[in-house]
Each structure stands twice: as C-alpha cells, then as structure tokens.
Amino acid sequence: MNKKQHQSLKPTIIMKQRSKHFAVKTILIGLFIQLITISVSFGQTKAEQIDKLMNLYSEYGQFNGSILVADAGKVIYKKGFGMANMEWNIPNQPDTKHRLGSVTKQFTAMLILQLVEQGKLKLDAPITTYLPDYPKALGDKITIHHLLTHTAGIPNYTSFPNFVKDISINPYSPEAFVKKFADLPLEFTPGEKFAYSNSGYFLLGYIIEIVSGKTYEKFLQDNILTPLKMNNTGFDHHETILKNRASGYEKNGKNYSNASYLDLSIPYAAGSLYSNVDDLYLWDQALYTEQLLSTKNKELLFNSYIPAGPGQYGYGWFINMAFNGEKNESIIVTEHGGGINGFNTLLSRIPSDKNLVVLLNNTGGTNLNEMNKAIRNILYNKPYSLPKKSLANAFVDVILEKGIASGIEYFKENKNSNTYAVNENEMNSAGYQLLQTGKVKEAIEVFKLNVEAFPKSGNAYDSLGEAYLKNGDKKLAIINYKKSVELDPNNVNGKKVLEEISKS
C-alpha cells in the first residue's frame, strides 16, 4: 500500500556512400538481437526456459519470492528465489507463505456467490437490505453487483491522505471501520464506471458476516479452505506465529528495509489473506469443478461486466485477452494482482488451456506482469524477451558517487540500450531514495526524467510535485500536482495537497 508504484527522436543523417554497408550491418544486428530473443527456446523444455528467465529476474534483483506454473493443468515448474527472511538468511521455497493483498478479492467474490446460491443474497439488491444502519440515501443506490465490480462510487479508503499515518496502523472492527467511509459522498453514480475501490470489498466482507452469522475468517475457512484442503492459506494476523511465513520488505534502489506495519483488520476482505503457491494451485483447479459453486453461478465470476483499463472486470477478477500464437486467435485470461506492505502478487489463469501462473514476491512492488507475459509466451512457444537490468538502480549509484550531472549523462547514454530497462516504479523509488536522504535537488532531476519517460503517469507528476514542494518551490509544485490530478482524477492525495497549498 506504499505510495507509487521514450526514446528521443534524433535527426536523420544521410550518408549515401555508406548506405548499402550500413543497411546490411543494421539487418545483421537486428537478426542477431532477434536470435537472442528467440533462440533461447531451442533445445530447452518449457520448464528450463522458465527457470532461466526467473533466475535472471532474481539475479537482477527484480524477483524475490515463490513461483508455480501449470501447463494443461499439470504443474511443470515451482521454485523459490531469494530470501523469505533476510535477517536469518532463510530462503523462499514453494511452501513459503506470502501475504496476497488484493488476490484476496477473488475469494471474497466466491463467498458472496455461495450466499447467492444459498438464497441469502441477491446481486441486484441494495446494500441497505443487509446493512440497515448504512446511510440510506447512499446505500439504497448501491447493489451487491456494484460492490463486486468496483462500480459503486464509494471512495477508496487506501487513497485517503491520512491512511498510512493515521489509519493503517490501528485495529478496527468491520462495523467501526465501515463508518470511516460510509458517510462520504459517492464519487459517481453507481454503475456509471469502474473505479477500483478497496472500500467496496471491505463492505462485502462485512455483509458476509451479517448474512452468515459468522466472521469473514470463519466463513472463508468453512466454505473454501477446509473443503479444498488449503491448509496453508488463511486470514493473516500479525500476532500469530505462522510457520513458513515470509517477511515483507521494501526495495529502495539496491537496498531493502522492513515493510511498514499494517494492522490486518484494515485490508480485511479486500486484502488480508496469506497463502502459498501449492494452495493457490488447489484453488485454481477447484474453479474447474462444481466443488464450491454450481457452474451457472461460477460463470458469474468471469463475466465481463465493465471496462477496466485494457480489459474488463468480472467479480474479483480482471478479464483480459492475450494472443495465442499456436491457434492464431485471442484467448481469455482471468487474473488479479495484489499489493500490500512488503508484498506483491499475481495469479493468472487461461481457463481454455488450464494454464496457470502464480507469482508471490516479498520485496514490495516489482513487474510481475512482465514476467507473466514472458512465461505465457514460453507456454505457447512464442518469442519472449529476457529481463534487463534496472537503469534506475545503476544511475542512482552514479549520482551518489559522481554527482547529478554524471548521473543524468549516464541515464541518457543508456536509456535505449539492450542492457538496461527504464521502469517507472523503479525510477520513482530511486527518486524517493534520494529525497529521503536529503538530496532534494537530485531527487527532482530523477523525477523529471521519470515524467519525461512516462508523460501519461499521474503518479510520476505527483512525485515531482512533492519534491518541488519539499524544495520550497510552490509554483512548480502546483503545476505538477495539477497535472497529476488531470491525468489521474482519483488522486485524492494530489487534490488534498493542492487544497492545502492554496490555503497557505
């Protein structure tokens, strides 16, 4: 829940006397690069290709966790990388338990549909049917379906400006915490559009408790975990001694720190579960059966209800399309990621072929979608790219050793190289690494480079605005915060800062 997760055009030079030689050389270089990308698959099994891929991600400090891959329903690869506990040098293993973050939502959605199947809930009923104390003027407009699809318009509590400092560290009962957002005005008319909101799934957990007469944790255990024998999955509690639990870390450049504390009553039905890759495989396999839910109701999980980014959203699942090279047609991918202090996760399924990728990482944010895409291409015998080193990490080292001018020069020299990749989150993290150590002017230059590389990112502008504000430059801070809010209308923090600046 931490804050923040282009090639320049050069003038064309015509050299007629070298054109033929240059063209041949360019073609050969292009073929060589293509062969590097494609030939890695020659003579290797899918599992061997995945192993090479993930070892590189681990070597470059871009993956630290556990992975499982199933092809046609059969597990072909599972392994742990890096450390589950850095203080004691305890390695990650396939049986290491990780916090799931928002992967929790698919379990909550399943529990809701089980109650629907039992006749205890109706998807089109207003939530005041089940929560009579909820503000009627708002609750009468919101249905269970709206909560499941992030279309209710309820403000997302993890975006509140005081969330990290004042809210996230304190315990709340579900009833008490609902009052934190229940009276707030809706951000839009329910059903109008998709806007990801943990508040909606928190409410679903509370509704499960009211309707079932059990705690969310107990209802989950009785209706999913015990029937599937998911013995390594549960609702996490900070105080519980849990065997094989991974510690959560945040990555700052090349350095790591323990993740900040989060009371797990806060993520609740939106993000408080833990699991390991083997249990998530059991979950995946159960979704092909009627063990938990009839086929008719189970299909409701994976319907495309509302546009959400490049794809659609179902009930607790993103529904996306991917290209299947073997069949020359698009295939449906059902997946969901999660991010919570010290962890980020991804569970990605291709139901038509019973393929599954589970990635559980315990060093904060990393690009699991990129890894997943490469693994998917391996499964379908398509070309894929091996990972590159982090340019952000490399050029921050240059800044610290030789100064900002040398760092910027190094960045510009290497941003289009085949060795390094420019990643928005890594650039953002590098900027905060400098900002937090008092190197404000250096941080500003890093954030400026990030804005240039990712000009459509509201988050990049928000970070630059924060750095300018810390440097005492209110004018430039306002310009960048306004741009951030323009690009990301849901940036509550940016709006709050602009309001505070205007009053000062």
Protein backbone atom coordinates (compact mmCIF):
# COMPACT_ATOMS: atom_id res chain seq x y z
CA MET A 1 0.00 0.00 0.00
CA ASN A 2 3.01 2.24 -0.41
CA LYS A 3 2.80 5.39 -2.48
CA LYS A 4 3.89 5.00 -6.04
CA GLN A 5 4.33 2.28 -8.00
CA HIS A 6 10.90 7.48 -24.59
CA GLN A 7 13.13 7.37 -26.90
CA SER A 8 14.17 10.81 -28.10
CA LEU A 9 13.98 11.45 -31.83
CA LYS A 10 17.38 12.12 -33.36
CA PRO A 11 17.94 13.94 -36.67
CA THR A 12 18.31 11.67 -39.67
CA ILE A 13 21.77 11.87 -41.24
CA ILE A 14 22.02 10.80 -44.89
CA MET A 15 25.34 9.21 -45.87
CA LYS A 16 24.90 7.87 -49.37
CA GLN A 17 28.39 6.45 -49.67
CA ARG A 18 27.82 4.21 -46.62
CA SER A 19 24.12 3.41 -47.10
CA LYS A 20 24.49 -0.11 -48.54
CA HIS A 21 27.04 -1.23 -45.96
CA PHE A 22 25.07 0.43 -43.17
CA ALA A 23 21.83 -1.25 -44.27
CA VAL A 24 23.42 -4.72 -44.33
CA LYS A 25 25.04 -4.12 -40.94
CA THR A 26 21.72 -2.93 -39.49
CA ILE A 27 19.92 -6.02 -40.77
CA LEU A 28 22.58 -8.31 -39.29
CA ILE A 29 22.39 -6.54 -35.93
CA GLY A 30 18.61 -6.82 -36.00
CA LEU A 31 18.77 -10.53 -36.80
CA PHE A 32 21.30 -11.06 -34.01
CA ILE A 33 19.06 -9.34 -31.46
CA GLN A 34 16.07 -11.35 -32.70
CA LEU A 35 18.02 -14.59 -32.39
CA ILE A 36 18.97 -13.71 -28.82
CA THR A 37 15.27 -13.35 -28.05
CA ILE A 38 14.02 -16.41 -29.91
CA SER A 39 16.84 -18.94 -29.80
CA VAL A 40 16.72 -19.32 -26.03
CA SER A 41 13.88 -21.78 -26.60
CA PHE A 42 15.79 -24.09 -28.93
CA GLY A 43 16.57 -27.41 -27.28
CA GLN A 44 15.08 -26.41 -23.94
CA THR A 45 11.94 -27.63 -22.24
CA LYS A 46 9.38 -25.08 -21.13
CA ALA A 47 10.45 -25.60 -17.52
CA GLU A 48 14.09 -24.98 -18.41
CA GLN A 49 13.20 -21.77 -20.24
CA ILE A 50 11.13 -20.54 -17.29
CA ASP A 51 13.98 -21.39 -14.92
CA LYS A 52 16.49 -19.40 -16.98
CA LEU A 53 14.08 -16.48 -17.17
CA MET A 54 13.35 -16.39 -13.44
CA ASN A 55 16.99 -16.86 -12.45
CA LEU A 56 17.81 -13.72 -14.41
CA TYR A 57 14.98 -11.80 -12.76
CA SER A 58 16.31 -12.94 -9.41
CA GLU A 59 19.93 -12.11 -10.31
CA TYR A 60 18.90 -8.58 -11.35
CA GLY A 61 17.06 -8.07 -8.06
CA GLN A 62 13.64 -7.99 -9.73
CA PHE A 63 12.09 -11.10 -8.18
CA ASN A 64 12.32 -12.40 -4.63
CA GLY A 65 9.63 -14.95 -3.85
CA SER A 66 7.90 -18.14 -4.97
CA ILE A 67 6.53 -19.22 -8.33
CA LEU A 68 4.36 -22.02 -9.72
CA VAL A 69 3.48 -22.66 -13.37
CA ALA A 70 0.95 -25.22 -14.61
CA ASP A 71 0.59 -26.24 -18.26
CA ALA A 72 -2.62 -28.02 -19.27
CA GLY A 73 -3.46 -28.41 -15.57
CA LYS A 74 -0.14 -30.07 -14.67
CA VAL A 75 2.49 -28.33 -12.57
CA ILE A 76 5.66 -28.07 -14.68
CA TYR A 77 7.62 -25.63 -12.56
CA LYS A 78 7.74 -24.38 -8.99
CA LYS A 79 10.58 -22.83 -7.10
CA GLY A 80 11.59 -20.23 -4.53
CA PHE A 81 14.02 -17.36 -5.14
CA GLY A 82 15.81 -15.06 -2.76
CA MET A 83 15.06 -14.77 0.92
CA ALA A 84 11.86 -15.27 2.89
CA ASN A 85 13.71 -13.75 5.85
CA MET A 86 16.79 -11.65 5.17
CA GLU A 87 17.80 -11.30 8.82
CA TRP A 88 18.21 -15.07 9.20
CA ASN A 89 19.06 -15.93 5.57
CA ILE A 90 16.02 -18.18 5.27
CA PRO A 91 15.33 -18.81 1.57
CA ASN A 92 11.98 -18.64 -0.16
CA GLN A 93 10.59 -22.07 -1.02
CA PRO A 94 7.44 -23.22 -2.83
CA ASP A 95 5.82 -23.78 0.58
CA THR A 96 6.64 -20.26 1.83
CA LYS A 97 3.51 -18.35 2.86
CA HIS A 98 3.10 -14.86 1.39
CA ARG A 99 0.53 -12.17 2.01
CA LEU A 100 -1.72 -11.97 -1.03
CA GLY A 101 -3.05 -8.42 -0.96
CA SER A 102 -5.87 -7.97 -3.46
CA VAL A 103 -5.74 -11.56 -4.71
CA THR A 104 -7.98 -11.92 -1.63
CA LYS A 105 -10.84 -10.32 -3.59
CA GLN A 106 -11.50 -13.42 -5.72
CA PHE A 107 -12.12 -15.41 -2.54
CA THR A 108 -14.49 -12.77 -1.24
CA ALA A 109 -16.37 -12.81 -4.55
CA MET A 110 -16.71 -16.61 -4.33
CA LEU A 111 -18.13 -16.38 -0.80
CA ILE A 112 -20.69 -13.81 -1.96
CA LEU A 113 -21.84 -16.06 -4.81
CA GLN A 114 -22.11 -19.01 -2.43
CA LEU A 115 -24.52 -16.93 -0.35
CA VAL A 116 -26.38 -16.01 -3.55
CA GLU A 117 -26.64 -19.71 -4.41
CA GLN A 118 -27.99 -20.40 -0.92
CA GLY A 119 -30.68 -17.77 -1.49
CA LYS A 120 -29.34 -15.50 1.26
CA LEU A 121 -28.20 -12.66 -1.01
CA LYS A 122 -29.39 -11.04 -4.22
CA LEU A 123 -26.89 -9.40 -6.54
CA ASP A 124 -29.29 -6.64 -7.57
CA ALA A 125 -30.46 -5.83 -4.03
CA PRO A 126 -29.39 -2.53 -2.45
CA ILE A 127 -26.84 -2.99 0.31
CA THR A 128 -29.22 -1.42 2.84
CA THR A 129 -31.20 -4.68 2.56
CA TYR A 130 -28.39 -6.33 4.51
CA LEU A 131 -26.89 -3.28 6.26
CA PRO A 132 -29.88 -1.36 7.68
CA ASP A 133 -27.57 1.04 9.55
CA TYR A 134 -25.76 2.11 6.38
CA PRO A 135 -26.69 5.68 5.30
CA LYS A 136 -29.92 5.09 3.40
CA ALA A 137 -29.56 7.90 0.88
CA LEU A 138 -26.33 6.32 -0.36
CA GLY A 139 -26.89 2.63 0.37
CA ASP A 140 -30.20 2.47 -1.48
CA LYS A 141 -28.34 3.31 -4.70
CA ILE A 142 -25.61 0.69 -4.31
CA THR A 143 -26.13 -3.02 -5.05
CA ILE A 144 -24.02 -6.08 -4.29
CA HIS A 145 -23.19 -6.18 -8.01
CA HIS A 146 -21.80 -2.64 -7.82
CA LEU A 147 -19.50 -3.60 -4.94
CA LEU A 148 -18.24 -6.72 -6.74
CA THR A 149 -17.42 -4.78 -9.92
CA HIS A 150 -15.89 -1.62 -8.36
CA THR A 151 -18.71 0.46 -9.82
CA ALA A 152 -20.32 1.68 -6.58
CA GLY A 153 -18.55 5.05 -6.50
CA ILE A 154 -17.54 4.66 -2.84
CA PRO A 155 -14.23 6.47 -2.15
CA ASN A 156 -11.28 4.09 -1.84
CA TYR A 157 -10.06 4.25 1.77
CA THR A 158 -6.45 3.36 0.89
CA SER A 159 -6.32 6.63 -1.09
CA PHE A 160 -7.23 8.79 1.90
CA PRO A 161 -4.41 11.30 2.61
CA ASN A 162 -4.15 10.18 6.25
CA PHE A 163 -4.40 6.46 5.51
CA VAL A 164 -0.77 5.44 6.05
CA LYS A 165 -0.01 7.59 9.10
CA ASP A 166 -3.30 7.58 10.97
CA ILE A 167 -5.50 4.72 9.80
CA SER A 168 -3.46 1.74 8.63
CA ILE A 169 -1.69 1.03 11.94
CA ASN A 170 -4.78 0.87 14.15
CA PRO A 171 -7.15 -2.08 14.70
CA TYR A 172 -10.82 -1.73 13.80
CA SER A 173 -13.84 -3.98 13.88
CA PRO A 174 -15.55 -4.27 10.47
CA GLU A 175 -18.53 -2.30 11.80
CA ALA A 176 -16.35 0.52 13.13
CA PHE A 177 -14.22 0.76 10.00
CA VAL A 178 -17.19 0.94 7.63
CA LYS A 179 -18.08 4.21 9.37
CA LYS A 180 -14.79 5.68 8.11
CA PHE A 181 -16.20 5.94 4.58
CA ALA A 182 -19.96 5.21 4.74
CA ASP A 183 -20.99 8.87 5.04
CA LEU A 184 -18.68 10.19 2.32
CA PRO A 185 -20.28 11.41 -0.92
CA LEU A 186 -20.15 8.99 -3.83
CA GLU A 187 -17.57 9.83 -6.47
CA PHE A 188 -20.02 8.98 -9.27
CA THR A 189 -23.43 7.45 -9.85
CA PRO A 190 -23.31 3.71 -9.06
CA GLY A 191 -22.90 1.63 -12.22
CA GLU A 192 -21.58 4.56 -14.23
CA LYS A 193 -17.96 3.43 -14.47
CA PHE A 194 -15.17 1.31 -12.98
CA ALA A 195 -13.03 2.82 -10.20
CA TYR A 196 -11.01 0.36 -8.14
CA SER A 197 -12.09 0.60 -4.51
CA ASN A 198 -10.97 -1.48 -1.56
CA SER A 199 -13.88 0.06 0.32
CA GLY A 200 -16.35 -1.94 -1.77
CA TYR A 201 -14.72 -5.27 -0.97
CA PHE A 202 -14.41 -4.33 2.71
CA LEU A 203 -18.18 -3.84 2.68
CA LEU A 204 -18.66 -7.23 1.02
CA GLY A 205 -16.77 -8.85 3.89
CA TYR A 206 -18.97 -7.09 6.41
CA ILE A 207 -22.10 -8.19 4.52
CA ILE A 208 -20.83 -11.78 4.57
CA GLU A 209 -20.58 -11.57 8.36
CA ILE A 210 -24.06 -10.07 8.80
CA VAL A 211 -25.77 -12.55 6.48
CA SER A 212 -23.89 -15.70 7.51
CA GLY A 213 -23.73 -15.03 11.24
CA LYS A 214 -20.02 -15.95 11.17
CA THR A 215 -16.85 -13.88 10.99
CA TYR A 216 -15.43 -13.44 7.50
CA GLU A 217 -12.47 -15.57 8.56
CA LYS A 218 -14.66 -18.45 9.81
CA PHE A 219 -16.98 -18.37 6.79
CA LEU A 220 -13.95 -18.46 4.48
CA GLN A 221 -12.46 -21.39 6.39
CA ASP A 222 -15.69 -23.39 6.39
CA ASN A 223 -16.71 -22.75 2.79
CA ILE A 224 -13.46 -22.66 0.81
CA LEU A 225 -10.29 -23.51 2.71
CA THR A 226 -11.43 -26.65 4.54
CA PRO A 227 -13.31 -28.20 1.56
CA LEU A 228 -10.29 -27.67 -0.70
CA LYS A 229 -7.77 -28.71 1.98
CA MET A 230 -5.98 -25.39 1.58
CA ASN A 231 -4.13 -25.89 4.83
CA ASN A 232 -1.53 -23.21 4.10
CA THR A 233 -3.99 -20.39 3.48
CA GLY A 234 -5.85 -18.14 5.89
CA PHE A 235 -6.68 -14.70 7.22
CA ASP A 236 -3.38 -13.27 8.42
CA HIS A 237 -2.86 -11.88 11.92
CA HIS A 238 0.31 -10.03 12.83
CA GLU A 239 0.49 -11.55 16.30
CA THR A 240 0.05 -15.19 15.19
CA ILE A 241 3.12 -17.43 14.97
CA LEU A 242 2.81 -18.79 11.44
CA LYS A 243 5.19 -21.45 10.20
CA ASN A 244 6.98 -20.68 6.92
CA ARG A 245 5.65 -17.10 6.74
CA ALA A 246 7.74 -14.76 4.58
CA SER A 247 8.72 -11.38 5.96
CA GLY A 248 7.79 -8.36 3.87
CA TYR A 249 10.42 -5.92 2.64
CA GLU A 250 10.52 -2.72 0.62
CA LYS A 251 13.18 -2.21 -2.01
CA ASN A 252 14.90 1.18 -2.19
CA GLY A 253 17.31 1.05 -5.11
CA LYS A 254 19.62 -1.82 -4.23
CA ASN A 255 18.79 -1.63 -0.53
CA TYR A 256 15.99 -3.27 1.45
CA SER A 257 14.11 -2.29 4.57
CA ASN A 258 11.44 -3.99 6.62
CA ALA A 259 7.97 -3.12 5.34
CA SER A 260 5.98 -0.67 7.42
CA TYR A 261 3.45 -2.11 9.86
CA LEU A 262 -0.14 -2.61 8.74
CA ASP A 263 -2.92 -3.78 11.01
CA LEU A 264 -4.57 -6.61 9.08
CA SER A 265 -8.06 -5.68 10.21
CA ILE A 266 -7.75 -2.88 7.64
CA PRO A 267 -7.30 -4.82 4.36
CA TYR A 268 -9.81 -7.41 5.65
CA ALA A 269 -11.91 -8.96 2.85
CA ALA A 270 -10.11 -6.75 0.31
CA GLY A 271 -6.59 -8.00 1.06
CA SER A 272 -5.75 -9.81 4.32
CA LEU A 273 -5.20 -13.40 3.17
CA TYR A 274 -1.94 -15.33 3.02
CA SER A 275 -1.20 -18.46 1.00
CA ASN A 276 1.50 -20.36 -0.86
CA VAL A 277 1.78 -21.42 -4.49
CA ASP A 278 0.64 -25.01 -3.89
CA ASP A 279 -2.58 -23.91 -2.20
CA LEU A 280 -3.29 -21.42 -4.97
CA TYR A 281 -2.92 -24.28 -7.45
CA LEU A 282 -5.58 -26.18 -5.48
CA TRP A 283 -7.80 -23.10 -5.70
CA ASP A 284 -7.23 -22.83 -9.45
CA GLN A 285 -8.10 -26.48 -10.02
CA ALA A 286 -11.25 -26.21 -7.93
CA LEU A 287 -12.50 -23.42 -10.19
CA TYR A 288 -12.85 -26.02 -12.98
CA THR A 289 -15.23 -28.06 -10.84
CA GLU A 290 -18.54 -27.61 -9.01
CA GLN A 291 -16.99 -28.34 -5.65
CA LEU A 292 -17.57 -24.78 -4.39
CA LEU A 293 -20.28 -23.46 -6.66
CA SER A 294 -22.57 -24.61 -9.45
CA THR A 295 -21.34 -23.95 -12.97
CA LYS A 296 -24.17 -21.48 -13.59
CA ASN A 297 -23.22 -19.27 -10.67
CA LYS A 298 -19.49 -19.81 -11.07
CA GLU A 299 -19.66 -18.35 -14.58
CA LEU A 300 -20.80 -15.09 -12.98
CA LEU A 301 -17.28 -14.67 -11.59
CA PHE A 302 -15.78 -14.42 -15.06
CA ASN A 303 -18.33 -12.41 -17.00
CA SER A 304 -17.10 -9.13 -18.48
CA TYR A 305 -19.23 -6.52 -16.71
CA ILE A 306 -17.39 -3.24 -17.09
CA PRO A 307 -14.35 -1.86 -18.99
CA ALA A 308 -11.36 -1.75 -16.64
CA GLY A 309 -8.13 -0.50 -18.18
CA PRO A 310 -7.16 -2.57 -21.21
CA GLY A 311 -9.64 -5.32 -20.30
CA GLN A 312 -12.84 -5.88 -18.34
CA TYR A 313 -13.71 -6.66 -14.73
CA GLY A 314 -15.77 -9.60 -13.50
CA TYR A 315 -16.40 -10.45 -9.87
CA GLY A 316 -12.98 -10.27 -8.18
CA TRP A 317 -11.19 -10.95 -11.47
CA PHE A 318 -9.80 -8.92 -14.33
CA ILE A 319 -10.79 -10.42 -17.69
CA ASN A 320 -8.19 -9.74 -20.36
CA MET A 321 -7.35 -11.02 -23.84
CA ALA A 322 -4.00 -12.45 -24.91
CA PHE A 323 -2.80 -13.69 -28.25
CA ASN A 324 -2.27 -17.43 -28.63
CA GLY A 325 0.43 -17.98 -31.25
CA GLU A 326 -0.33 -21.65 -31.75
CA LYS A 327 -4.03 -21.27 -32.52
CA ASN A 328 -3.73 -17.85 -34.15
CA GLU A 329 -6.57 -16.48 -32.08
CA SER A 330 -7.18 -14.47 -28.94
CA ILE A 331 -7.52 -16.30 -25.66
CA ILE A 332 -9.22 -15.19 -22.44
CA VAL A 333 -7.02 -14.59 -19.41
CA THR A 334 -8.58 -14.28 -15.94
CA GLU A 335 -6.21 -12.79 -13.44
CA HIS A 336 -5.72 -10.49 -10.47
CA GLY A 337 -2.73 -8.94 -8.81
CA GLY A 338 -2.19 -7.81 -5.26
CA GLY A 339 -0.03 -5.30 -3.44
CA ILE A 340 0.29 -4.89 0.31
CA ASN A 341 3.11 -3.63 2.52
CA GLY A 342 6.19 -5.64 1.55
CA PHE A 343 4.44 -7.96 -0.93
CA ASN A 344 3.10 -8.02 -4.45
CA THR A 345 1.40 -10.98 -6.07
CA LEU A 346 -0.21 -12.21 -9.27
CA LEU A 347 -2.46 -15.15 -10.09
CA SER A 348 -3.08 -15.53 -13.85
CA ARG A 349 -5.22 -18.25 -15.46
CA ILE A 350 -6.02 -19.27 -19.03
CA PRO A 351 -9.10 -21.44 -18.48
CA SER A 352 -9.35 -22.73 -22.08
CA ASP A 353 -5.98 -24.48 -21.73
CA LYS A 354 -5.90 -24.86 -17.93
CA ASN A 355 -2.70 -22.84 -17.73
CA LEU A 356 -1.74 -21.09 -14.51
CA VAL A 357 1.00 -18.72 -13.36
CA VAL A 358 1.34 -17.84 -9.66
CA LEU A 359 3.93 -15.24 -8.65
CA LEU A 360 4.37 -14.27 -4.99
CA ASN A 361 7.02 -11.63 -4.26
CA ASN A 362 8.03 -10.33 -0.81
CA THR A 363 10.13 -7.27 -1.65
CA GLY A 364 7.41 -4.74 -2.39
CA GLY A 365 6.48 -3.78 -5.93
CA THR A 366 8.09 -5.44 -8.94
CA ASN A 367 6.93 -6.01 -12.51
CA LEU A 368 5.13 -9.34 -12.20
CA ASN A 369 3.05 -8.62 -15.31
CA GLU A 370 6.19 -8.54 -17.42
CA MET A 371 7.34 -11.90 -16.02
CA ASN A 372 3.89 -13.37 -16.53
CA LYS A 373 3.80 -12.30 -20.17
CA ALA A 374 7.18 -13.93 -20.85
CA ILE A 375 6.11 -17.15 -19.11
CA ARG A 376 2.85 -17.18 -21.08
CA ASN A 377 4.81 -16.84 -24.32
CA ILE A 378 7.00 -19.77 -23.27
CA LEU A 379 3.91 -21.90 -22.65
CA TYR A 380 2.66 -21.10 -26.17
CA ASN A 381 6.04 -21.40 -27.90
CA LYS A 382 6.12 -17.71 -28.76
CA PRO A 383 9.19 -15.44 -28.78
CA TYR A 384 9.87 -13.71 -25.48
CA SER A 385 12.39 -11.26 -24.12
CA LEU A 386 14.79 -11.89 -21.28
CA PRO A 387 14.84 -9.28 -18.49
CA LYS A 388 17.13 -6.28 -18.48
CA LYS A 389 18.98 -4.69 -15.61
CA SER A 390 17.48 -1.69 -13.82
CA LEU A 391 18.79 1.59 -15.20
CA ALA A 392 17.27 3.40 -12.22
CA ASN A 393 19.41 1.47 -9.76
CA ALA A 394 22.55 1.87 -11.86
CA PHE A 395 22.32 5.59 -12.43
CA VAL A 396 21.46 6.38 -8.80
CA ASP A 397 24.77 4.73 -7.90
CA VAL A 398 26.46 7.09 -10.37
CA ILE A 399 24.65 10.08 -8.82
CA LEU A 400 25.80 9.11 -5.32
CA GLU A 401 29.38 8.53 -6.48
CA LYS A 402 29.93 11.26 -9.08
CA GLY A 403 27.07 13.73 -8.76
CA ILE A 404 23.81 14.52 -10.53
CA ALA A 405 25.35 15.75 -13.80
CA SER A 406 27.23 12.49 -14.31
CA GLY A 407 24.13 10.53 -13.33
CA ILE A 408 21.94 12.26 -15.91
CA GLU A 409 24.59 11.78 -18.58
CA TYR A 410 24.79 8.06 -17.69
CA PHE A 411 20.99 7.78 -17.88
CA LYS A 412 20.79 9.39 -21.31
CA GLU A 413 23.61 7.26 -22.66
CA ASN A 414 21.97 4.00 -21.54
CA LYS A 415 18.20 4.56 -21.69
CA ASN A 416 17.91 2.94 -25.13
CA SER A 417 20.48 0.20 -24.58
CA ASN A 418 19.84 -3.53 -24.73
CA THR A 419 21.35 -3.93 -21.25
CA TYR A 420 19.10 -1.67 -19.19
CA ALA A 421 15.36 -1.11 -18.86
CA VAL A 422 13.64 2.07 -17.68
CA ASN A 423 10.88 1.15 -15.25
CA GLU A 424 8.52 3.80 -13.88
CA ASN A 425 8.24 2.32 -10.38
CA GLU A 426 11.99 1.81 -10.11
CA MET A 427 12.62 5.40 -11.22
CA ASN A 428 10.09 6.59 -8.67
CA SER A 429 11.72 4.52 -5.96
CA ALA A 430 15.14 5.91 -6.91
CA GLY A 431 13.82 9.45 -6.60
CA TYR A 432 12.41 8.76 -3.13
CA GLN A 433 15.66 7.12 -2.10
CA LEU A 434 17.37 10.45 -2.79
CA LEU A 435 14.53 12.54 -1.35
CA GLN A 436 14.54 10.66 1.95
CA THR A 437 18.29 11.15 2.38
CA GLY A 438 18.06 14.93 1.94
CA LYS A 439 19.21 15.04 -1.68
CA VAL A 440 16.17 17.04 -2.77
CA LYS A 441 17.61 18.66 -5.91
CA GLU A 442 18.95 15.33 -7.12
CA ALA A 443 15.55 13.74 -6.49
CA ILE A 444 13.86 16.46 -8.54
CA GLU A 445 16.09 15.65 -11.52
CA VAL A 446 15.27 11.94 -11.22
CA PHE A 447 11.54 12.62 -11.04
CA LYS A 448 11.84 14.94 -14.06
CA LEU A 449 13.41 12.12 -16.05
CA ASN A 450 10.59 9.84 -14.96
CA VAL A 451 7.99 12.34 -16.14
CA GLU A 452 9.77 12.61 -19.50
CA ALA A 453 9.82 8.82 -19.84
CA PHE A 454 6.22 8.33 -18.66
CA PRO A 455 4.33 11.52 -19.55
CA LYS A 456 0.90 9.94 -19.05
CA SER A 457 1.55 8.84 -15.47
CA GLY A 458 -0.25 10.89 -12.86
CA ASN A 459 1.88 9.23 -10.21
CA ALA A 460 5.12 10.46 -11.82
CA TYR A 461 3.88 14.06 -11.76
CA ASP A 462 2.65 13.65 -8.17
CA SER A 463 6.14 12.63 -7.06
CA LEU A 464 7.75 15.53 -8.89
CA GLY A 465 5.25 17.89 -7.27
CA GLU A 466 6.11 16.52 -3.84
CA ALA A 467 9.83 17.03 -4.45
CA TYR A 468 9.30 20.63 -5.62
CA LEU A 469 7.18 21.30 -2.54
CA LYS A 470 9.89 19.91 -0.29
CA ASN A 471 12.34 22.21 -2.07
CA GLY A 472 10.11 25.22 -1.28
CA ASP A 473 9.02 25.81 -4.88
CA LYS A 474 5.24 26.08 -4.52
CA LYS A 475 4.70 27.34 -8.07
CA LEU A 476 6.23 24.28 -9.72
CA ALA A 477 4.67 22.02 -7.09
CA ILE A 478 1.21 23.32 -8.02
CA ILE A 479 1.86 22.88 -11.75
CA ASN A 480 2.86 19.23 -11.31
CA TYR A 481 0.17 18.34 -8.79
CA LYS A 482 -2.44 19.81 -11.14
CA LYS A 483 -1.06 17.73 -14.00
CA SER A 484 -1.13 14.66 -11.76
CA VAL A 485 -4.80 15.18 -10.87
CA GLU A 486 -5.62 15.88 -14.53
CA LEU A 487 -4.10 12.54 -15.54
CA ASP A 488 -5.46 10.69 -12.52
CA PRO A 489 -8.77 12.19 -11.27
CA ASN A 490 -8.76 9.63 -8.43
CA ASN A 491 -5.58 11.11 -6.95
CA VAL A 492 -7.09 12.15 -3.62
CA ASN A 493 -3.66 12.98 -2.17
CA GLY A 494 -2.89 15.39 -5.02
CA LYS A 495 -6.20 17.18 -4.57
CA LYS A 496 -5.63 17.45 -0.82
CA VAL A 497 -2.14 18.91 -1.25
CA LEU A 498 -3.39 21.47 -3.78
CA GLU A 499 -6.10 22.50 -1.34
CA GLU A 500 -3.59 22.90 1.48
CA ILE A 501 -1.18 24.91 -0.71
CA SER A 502 -3.96 27.28 -1.72
CA LYS A 503 -4.71 27.98 1.96
CA SER A 504 -1.10 28.62 2.91
